[in-house]
Amino acid sequence: MSPFAEHMGFDVVERSDGGSVIECLVEAEHANTRGVVHGGVLSALIDMACGVAVAYQPSIGGRGAVTVSLTINYLQPALIGDRLRAVGKRAGSGKRIVACEAAIYDQAGSMVAMGVATMRVLG
């Protein structure tokens, strides 16, 4: 767990080679001035879900990975008190480049945001 993820209150619930589930209970610190979860929090959740699904996994030789591109679509607002669940999965890979996708759901199962990350394998 990175210090950033810990600071944000992100919890790794599941981790497998090519998959992940990250959860976050939305606190006031996650909200913008309108009381809605800041887009940067959702972006960070998607980035982490993709990173956890890929980095240090057997399929890439246990090496680290960094995000080189991240595209997010925000679908509906999340509010203070919501429990968000980001589900990430590897979508395809080459020798050094891995594509990953993730979606964030609220406690009712509604999709809040979705995204695609391109990651570069280190080493």
N, C-alpha and C. Protein backbone atom coordinates (compact mmCIF):
# COMPACT_ATOMS: atom_id res chain seq x y z
N MET A 1 0.84 -1.17 0.00
CA MET A 1 0.00 0.00 0.00
C MET A 1 0.89 1.24 0.00
N SER A 2 0.64 2.13 -0.90
CA SER A 2 1.44 3.35 -0.98
C SER A 2 0.98 4.35 0.08
N PRO A 3 1.87 5.25 0.48
CA PRO A 3 1.47 6.30 1.42
C PRO A 3 0.32 7.15 0.88
N PHE A 4 0.29 7.38 -0.42
CA PHE A 4 -0.79 8.16 -1.03
C PHE A 4 -2.13 7.44 -0.85
N ALA A 5 -2.16 6.16 -1.18
CA ALA A 5 -3.40 5.38 -1.07
C ALA A 5 -3.88 5.33 0.38
N GLU A 6 -2.94 5.18 1.29
CA GLU A 6 -3.28 5.16 2.71
C GLU A 6 -3.87 6.51 3.13
N HIS A 7 -3.24 7.59 2.69
CA HIS A 7 -3.73 8.93 2.98
C HIS A 7 -5.14 9.15 2.44
N MET A 8 -5.42 8.60 1.26
CA MET A 8 -6.72 8.77 0.63
C MET A 8 -7.80 7.87 1.23
N GLY A 9 -7.40 6.90 2.02
CA GLY A 9 -8.37 5.98 2.61
C GLY A 9 -8.78 4.86 1.67
N PHE A 10 -7.90 4.52 0.72
CA PHE A 10 -8.17 3.43 -0.22
C PHE A 10 -7.78 2.10 0.42
N ASP A 11 -8.62 1.10 0.28
CA ASP A 11 -8.35 -0.24 0.82
C ASP A 11 -8.31 -1.26 -0.31
N VAL A 12 -7.24 -2.05 -0.37
CA VAL A 12 -7.17 -3.14 -1.34
C VAL A 12 -7.97 -4.30 -0.77
N VAL A 13 -9.06 -4.63 -1.42
CA VAL A 13 -9.96 -5.69 -0.96
C VAL A 13 -9.61 -7.02 -1.63
N GLU A 14 -9.27 -6.96 -2.91
CA GLU A 14 -8.89 -8.15 -3.67
C GLU A 14 -7.73 -7.79 -4.60
N ARG A 15 -6.84 -8.76 -4.79
CA ARG A 15 -5.71 -8.55 -5.70
C ARG A 15 -5.36 -9.89 -6.34
N SER A 16 -5.33 -9.91 -7.64
CA SER A 16 -4.92 -11.10 -8.37
C SER A 16 -4.12 -10.66 -9.58
N ASP A 17 -3.51 -11.61 -10.25
CA ASP A 17 -2.75 -11.30 -11.46
C ASP A 17 -3.72 -10.92 -12.56
N GLY A 18 -3.89 -9.63 -12.76
CA GLY A 18 -4.80 -9.13 -13.78
C GLY A 18 -6.11 -8.61 -13.24
N GLY A 19 -6.27 -8.58 -11.93
CA GLY A 19 -7.52 -8.07 -11.36
C GLY A 19 -7.32 -7.42 -10.01
N SER A 20 -8.25 -6.54 -9.65
CA SER A 20 -8.18 -5.89 -8.34
C SER A 20 -9.54 -5.33 -7.96
N VAL A 21 -9.72 -5.15 -6.65
CA VAL A 21 -10.87 -4.42 -6.12
C VAL A 21 -10.35 -3.50 -5.03
N ILE A 22 -10.65 -2.21 -5.17
CA ILE A 22 -10.23 -1.19 -4.22
C ILE A 22 -11.49 -0.51 -3.70
N GLU A 23 -11.57 -0.28 -2.40
CA GLU A 23 -12.73 0.40 -1.83
C GLU A 23 -12.32 1.68 -1.13
N CYS A 24 -13.27 2.59 -1.04
CA CYS A 24 -13.05 3.87 -0.36
C CYS A 24 -14.38 4.36 0.21
N LEU A 25 -14.38 4.66 1.49
CA LEU A 25 -15.53 5.31 2.11
C LEU A 25 -15.34 6.81 1.91
N VAL A 26 -16.28 7.45 1.26
CA VAL A 26 -16.15 8.87 0.92
C VAL A 26 -16.33 9.73 2.17
N GLU A 27 -15.32 10.52 2.46
CA GLU A 27 -15.31 11.44 3.60
C GLU A 27 -15.41 12.87 3.07
N ALA A 28 -15.63 13.81 3.97
CA ALA A 28 -15.73 15.22 3.58
C ALA A 28 -14.49 15.69 2.84
N GLU A 29 -13.32 15.14 3.21
CA GLU A 29 -12.06 15.54 2.57
C GLU A 29 -11.98 15.13 1.10
N HIS A 30 -12.83 14.20 0.67
CA HIS A 30 -12.85 13.76 -0.72
C HIS A 30 -13.74 14.63 -1.61
N ALA A 31 -14.49 15.54 -1.01
CA ALA A 31 -15.51 16.29 -1.74
C ALA A 31 -15.00 17.63 -2.27
N ASN A 32 -15.67 18.09 -3.31
CA ASN A 32 -15.40 19.43 -3.82
C ASN A 32 -16.31 20.42 -3.08
N THR A 33 -16.36 21.65 -3.52
CA THR A 33 -17.15 22.68 -2.82
C THR A 33 -18.65 22.45 -2.90
N ARG A 34 -19.10 21.56 -3.78
CA ARG A 34 -20.53 21.26 -3.90
C ARG A 34 -20.93 20.01 -3.11
N GLY A 35 -19.97 19.42 -2.39
CA GLY A 35 -20.27 18.23 -1.61
C GLY A 35 -20.27 16.94 -2.41
N VAL A 36 -19.74 17.02 -3.61
CA VAL A 36 -19.64 15.87 -4.51
C VAL A 36 -18.19 15.40 -4.53
N VAL A 37 -17.99 14.09 -4.65
CA VAL A 37 -16.62 13.56 -4.70
C VAL A 37 -15.85 14.23 -5.83
N HIS A 38 -14.67 14.72 -5.51
CA HIS A 38 -13.81 15.38 -6.50
C HIS A 38 -13.39 14.37 -7.57
N GLY A 39 -13.35 14.81 -8.81
CA GLY A 39 -12.96 13.95 -9.91
C GLY A 39 -11.57 13.37 -9.75
N GLY A 40 -10.69 14.08 -9.06
CA GLY A 40 -9.34 13.57 -8.82
C GLY A 40 -9.33 12.34 -7.94
N VAL A 41 -10.28 12.24 -7.01
CA VAL A 41 -10.39 11.05 -6.17
C VAL A 41 -10.80 9.85 -7.03
N LEU A 42 -11.77 10.05 -7.90
CA LEU A 42 -12.23 8.97 -8.78
C LEU A 42 -11.11 8.56 -9.74
N SER A 43 -10.39 9.55 -10.26
CA SER A 43 -9.26 9.27 -11.14
C SER A 43 -8.20 8.45 -10.42
N ALA A 44 -7.89 8.84 -9.18
CA ALA A 44 -6.88 8.12 -8.40
C ALA A 44 -7.34 6.68 -8.10
N LEU A 45 -8.62 6.49 -7.84
CA LEU A 45 -9.14 5.14 -7.59
C LEU A 45 -8.99 4.26 -8.83
N ILE A 46 -9.30 4.80 -9.98
CA ILE A 46 -9.17 4.04 -11.22
C ILE A 46 -7.71 3.73 -11.49
N ASP A 47 -6.84 4.72 -11.31
CA ASP A 47 -5.41 4.51 -11.51
C ASP A 47 -4.89 3.42 -10.57
N MET A 48 -5.31 3.46 -9.33
CA MET A 48 -4.83 2.46 -8.37
C MET A 48 -5.39 1.08 -8.69
N ALA A 49 -6.66 0.99 -9.08
CA ALA A 49 -7.24 -0.31 -9.42
C ALA A 49 -6.48 -0.95 -10.59
N CYS A 50 -6.11 -0.15 -11.56
CA CYS A 50 -5.34 -0.66 -12.69
C CYS A 50 -3.93 -1.04 -12.26
N GLY A 51 -3.30 -0.18 -11.47
CA GLY A 51 -1.94 -0.45 -11.02
C GLY A 51 -1.84 -1.71 -10.17
N VAL A 52 -2.78 -1.90 -9.26
CA VAL A 52 -2.77 -3.08 -8.39
C VAL A 52 -2.99 -4.35 -9.21
N ALA A 53 -3.80 -4.27 -10.25
CA ALA A 53 -4.06 -5.44 -11.10
C ALA A 53 -2.85 -5.84 -11.93
N VAL A 54 -1.92 -4.92 -12.14
CA VAL A 54 -0.80 -5.16 -13.05
C VAL A 54 0.56 -5.23 -12.35
N ALA A 55 0.88 -4.25 -11.53
CA ALA A 55 2.23 -4.13 -10.96
C ALA A 55 2.58 -5.29 -10.03
N TYR A 56 3.82 -5.73 -10.13
CA TYR A 56 4.41 -6.79 -9.29
C TYR A 56 3.69 -8.13 -9.41
N GLN A 57 3.00 -8.33 -10.51
CA GLN A 57 2.28 -9.59 -10.73
C GLN A 57 3.16 -10.57 -11.51
N PRO A 58 2.89 -11.87 -11.36
CA PRO A 58 3.69 -12.88 -12.08
C PRO A 58 3.69 -12.71 -13.60
N SER A 59 2.57 -12.26 -14.17
CA SER A 59 2.49 -12.15 -15.63
C SER A 59 3.45 -11.12 -16.21
N ILE A 60 3.96 -10.20 -15.38
CA ILE A 60 4.95 -9.24 -15.87
C ILE A 60 6.28 -9.44 -15.15
N GLY A 61 6.51 -10.65 -14.67
CA GLY A 61 7.78 -10.99 -14.06
C GLY A 61 8.01 -10.36 -12.70
N GLY A 62 6.93 -9.98 -12.01
CA GLY A 62 7.06 -9.40 -10.69
C GLY A 62 7.60 -7.98 -10.67
N ARG A 63 7.66 -7.35 -11.84
CA ARG A 63 8.20 -5.99 -11.94
C ARG A 63 7.13 -4.94 -11.64
N GLY A 64 7.59 -3.74 -11.39
CA GLY A 64 6.68 -2.62 -11.19
C GLY A 64 6.13 -2.12 -12.52
N ALA A 65 5.16 -1.23 -12.42
CA ALA A 65 4.58 -0.62 -13.62
C ALA A 65 4.15 0.80 -13.27
N VAL A 66 4.21 1.68 -14.26
CA VAL A 66 3.77 3.06 -14.07
C VAL A 66 2.74 3.41 -15.13
N THR A 67 1.86 4.31 -14.77
CA THR A 67 0.81 4.75 -15.70
C THR A 67 1.40 5.77 -16.67
N VAL A 68 1.18 5.54 -17.96
CA VAL A 68 1.62 6.51 -18.97
C VAL A 68 0.45 7.25 -19.59
N SER A 69 -0.75 6.71 -19.45
CA SER A 69 -1.95 7.37 -19.97
C SER A 69 -3.15 6.91 -19.15
N LEU A 70 -4.05 7.86 -18.87
CA LEU A 70 -5.24 7.55 -18.09
C LEU A 70 -6.40 8.35 -18.65
N THR A 71 -7.47 7.68 -19.02
CA THR A 71 -8.67 8.33 -19.54
C THR A 71 -9.84 7.96 -18.64
N ILE A 72 -10.56 8.97 -18.19
CA ILE A 72 -11.66 8.77 -17.25
C ILE A 72 -12.96 9.31 -17.85
N ASN A 73 -14.05 8.58 -17.64
CA ASN A 73 -15.39 9.07 -17.96
C ASN A 73 -16.17 9.11 -16.66
N TYR A 74 -16.64 10.30 -16.30
CA TYR A 74 -17.44 10.48 -15.09
C TYR A 74 -18.91 10.33 -15.47
N LEU A 75 -19.61 9.42 -14.81
CA LEU A 75 -20.96 9.08 -15.22
C LEU A 75 -22.05 9.65 -14.31
N GLN A 76 -21.80 9.65 -13.02
CA GLN A 76 -22.76 10.23 -12.08
C GLN A 76 -22.03 10.62 -10.81
N PRO A 77 -22.59 11.55 -10.04
CA PRO A 77 -21.89 12.00 -8.84
C PRO A 77 -21.90 10.95 -7.73
N ALA A 78 -20.86 10.99 -6.92
CA ALA A 78 -20.79 10.22 -5.68
C ALA A 78 -20.76 11.25 -4.56
N LEU A 79 -21.33 10.88 -3.42
CA LEU A 79 -21.50 11.84 -2.33
C LEU A 79 -20.81 11.38 -1.06
N ILE A 80 -20.62 12.31 -0.14
CA ILE A 80 -20.05 12.00 1.16
C ILE A 80 -20.91 10.91 1.81
N GLY A 81 -20.24 9.89 2.34
CA GLY A 81 -20.92 8.75 2.95
C GLY A 81 -21.04 7.55 2.04
N ASP A 82 -20.86 7.75 0.73
CA ASP A 82 -20.92 6.62 -0.20
C ASP A 82 -19.72 5.70 0.01
N ARG A 83 -19.92 4.41 -0.22
CA ARG A 83 -18.81 3.46 -0.25
C ARG A 83 -18.58 3.11 -1.71
N LEU A 84 -17.40 3.51 -2.22
CA LEU A 84 -17.05 3.28 -3.63
C LEU A 84 -16.21 2.02 -3.76
N ARG A 85 -16.44 1.30 -4.85
CA ARG A 85 -15.74 0.05 -5.13
C ARG A 85 -15.20 0.13 -6.56
N ALA A 86 -13.88 0.17 -6.69
CA ALA A 86 -13.24 0.21 -8.01
C ALA A 86 -12.78 -1.19 -8.37
N VAL A 87 -13.20 -1.65 -9.54
CA VAL A 87 -12.85 -2.98 -10.02
C VAL A 87 -11.96 -2.82 -11.25
N GLY A 88 -10.73 -3.30 -11.16
CA GLY A 88 -9.77 -3.17 -12.26
C GLY A 88 -9.45 -4.51 -12.87
N LYS A 89 -9.17 -4.51 -14.18
CA LYS A 89 -8.74 -5.75 -14.83
C LYS A 89 -7.86 -5.44 -16.04
N ARG A 90 -6.86 -6.30 -16.20
CA ARG A 90 -5.97 -6.18 -17.36
C ARG A 90 -6.79 -6.50 -18.61
N ALA A 91 -6.63 -5.68 -19.63
CA ALA A 91 -7.38 -5.87 -20.87
C ALA A 91 -6.52 -6.43 -21.99
N GLY A 92 -5.20 -6.32 -21.88
CA GLY A 92 -4.29 -6.81 -22.91
C GLY A 92 -2.89 -6.33 -22.61
N SER A 93 -1.91 -7.01 -23.22
CA SER A 93 -0.54 -6.58 -22.94
C SER A 93 0.42 -7.02 -24.02
N GLY A 94 1.50 -6.26 -24.08
CA GLY A 94 2.64 -6.60 -24.90
C GLY A 94 3.82 -6.84 -23.97
N LYS A 95 5.06 -6.68 -24.47
CA LYS A 95 6.23 -6.88 -23.61
C LYS A 95 6.37 -5.82 -22.54
N ARG A 96 6.15 -4.57 -22.90
CA ARG A 96 6.35 -3.45 -21.97
C ARG A 96 5.09 -2.63 -21.70
N ILE A 97 4.09 -2.75 -22.54
CA ILE A 97 2.88 -1.94 -22.41
C ILE A 97 1.70 -2.85 -22.06
N VAL A 98 0.95 -2.42 -21.03
CA VAL A 98 -0.22 -3.18 -20.57
C VAL A 98 -1.42 -2.25 -20.57
N ALA A 99 -2.52 -2.71 -21.14
CA ALA A 99 -3.78 -1.97 -21.11
C ALA A 99 -4.63 -2.52 -19.97
N CYS A 100 -5.27 -1.62 -19.27
CA CYS A 100 -6.10 -2.01 -18.13
C CYS A 100 -7.35 -1.14 -18.14
N GLU A 101 -8.45 -1.70 -17.63
CA GLU A 101 -9.69 -0.94 -17.52
C GLU A 101 -10.23 -1.08 -16.10
N ALA A 102 -10.97 -0.07 -15.67
CA ALA A 102 -11.54 -0.11 -14.34
C ALA A 102 -12.86 0.64 -14.33
N ALA A 103 -13.73 0.24 -13.40
CA ALA A 103 -14.99 0.92 -13.20
C ALA A 103 -15.19 1.11 -11.70
N ILE A 104 -15.85 2.20 -11.34
CA ILE A 104 -16.16 2.49 -9.95
C ILE A 104 -17.67 2.42 -9.77
N TYR A 105 -18.08 1.70 -8.73
CA TYR A 105 -19.50 1.53 -8.40
C TYR A 105 -19.77 2.08 -7.00
N ASP A 106 -20.98 2.59 -6.79
CA ASP A 106 -21.37 3.01 -5.44
C ASP A 106 -22.00 1.82 -4.72
N GLN A 107 -22.44 2.02 -3.49
CA GLN A 107 -22.98 0.93 -2.69
C GLN A 107 -24.28 0.35 -3.26
N ALA A 108 -24.96 1.08 -4.13
CA ALA A 108 -26.18 0.57 -4.77
C ALA A 108 -25.86 -0.21 -6.05
N GLY A 109 -24.57 -0.24 -6.44
CA GLY A 109 -24.18 -0.95 -7.65
C GLY A 109 -24.23 -0.10 -8.91
N SER A 110 -24.51 1.19 -8.77
CA SER A 110 -24.53 2.08 -9.93
C SER A 110 -23.11 2.48 -10.29
N MET A 111 -22.81 2.49 -11.59
CA MET A 111 -21.48 2.88 -12.05
C MET A 111 -21.34 4.39 -11.95
N VAL A 112 -20.30 4.82 -11.26
CA VAL A 112 -20.02 6.24 -11.04
C VAL A 112 -19.03 6.76 -12.06
N ALA A 113 -18.02 5.96 -12.40
CA ALA A 113 -17.00 6.36 -13.37
C ALA A 113 -16.36 5.11 -13.96
N MET A 114 -15.74 5.31 -15.11
CA MET A 114 -15.01 4.22 -15.75
C MET A 114 -13.78 4.81 -16.41
N GLY A 115 -12.77 3.97 -16.60
CA GLY A 115 -11.55 4.50 -17.19
C GLY A 115 -10.68 3.42 -17.79
N VAL A 116 -9.72 3.87 -18.56
CA VAL A 116 -8.73 3.00 -19.20
C VAL A 116 -7.35 3.55 -18.91
N ALA A 117 -6.44 2.67 -18.52
CA ALA A 117 -5.06 3.07 -18.26
C ALA A 117 -4.13 2.29 -19.17
N THR A 118 -3.10 2.98 -19.65
CA THR A 118 -2.00 2.33 -20.34
C THR A 118 -0.83 2.39 -19.39
N MET A 119 -0.22 1.23 -19.14
CA MET A 119 0.85 1.15 -18.16
C MET A 119 2.11 0.62 -18.81
N ARG A 120 3.25 1.12 -18.33
CA ARG A 120 4.55 0.66 -18.82
C ARG A 120 5.22 -0.18 -17.75
N VAL A 121 5.63 -1.36 -18.14
CA VAL A 121 6.33 -2.26 -17.23
C VAL A 121 7.76 -1.77 -17.06
N LEU A 122 8.22 -1.69 -15.82
CA LEU A 122 9.57 -1.21 -15.52
C LEU A 122 10.60 -2.32 -15.59
N GLY A 123 11.84 -1.93 -15.79
CA GLY A 123 12.95 -2.89 -15.74
C GLY A 123 13.26 -3.60 -16.99
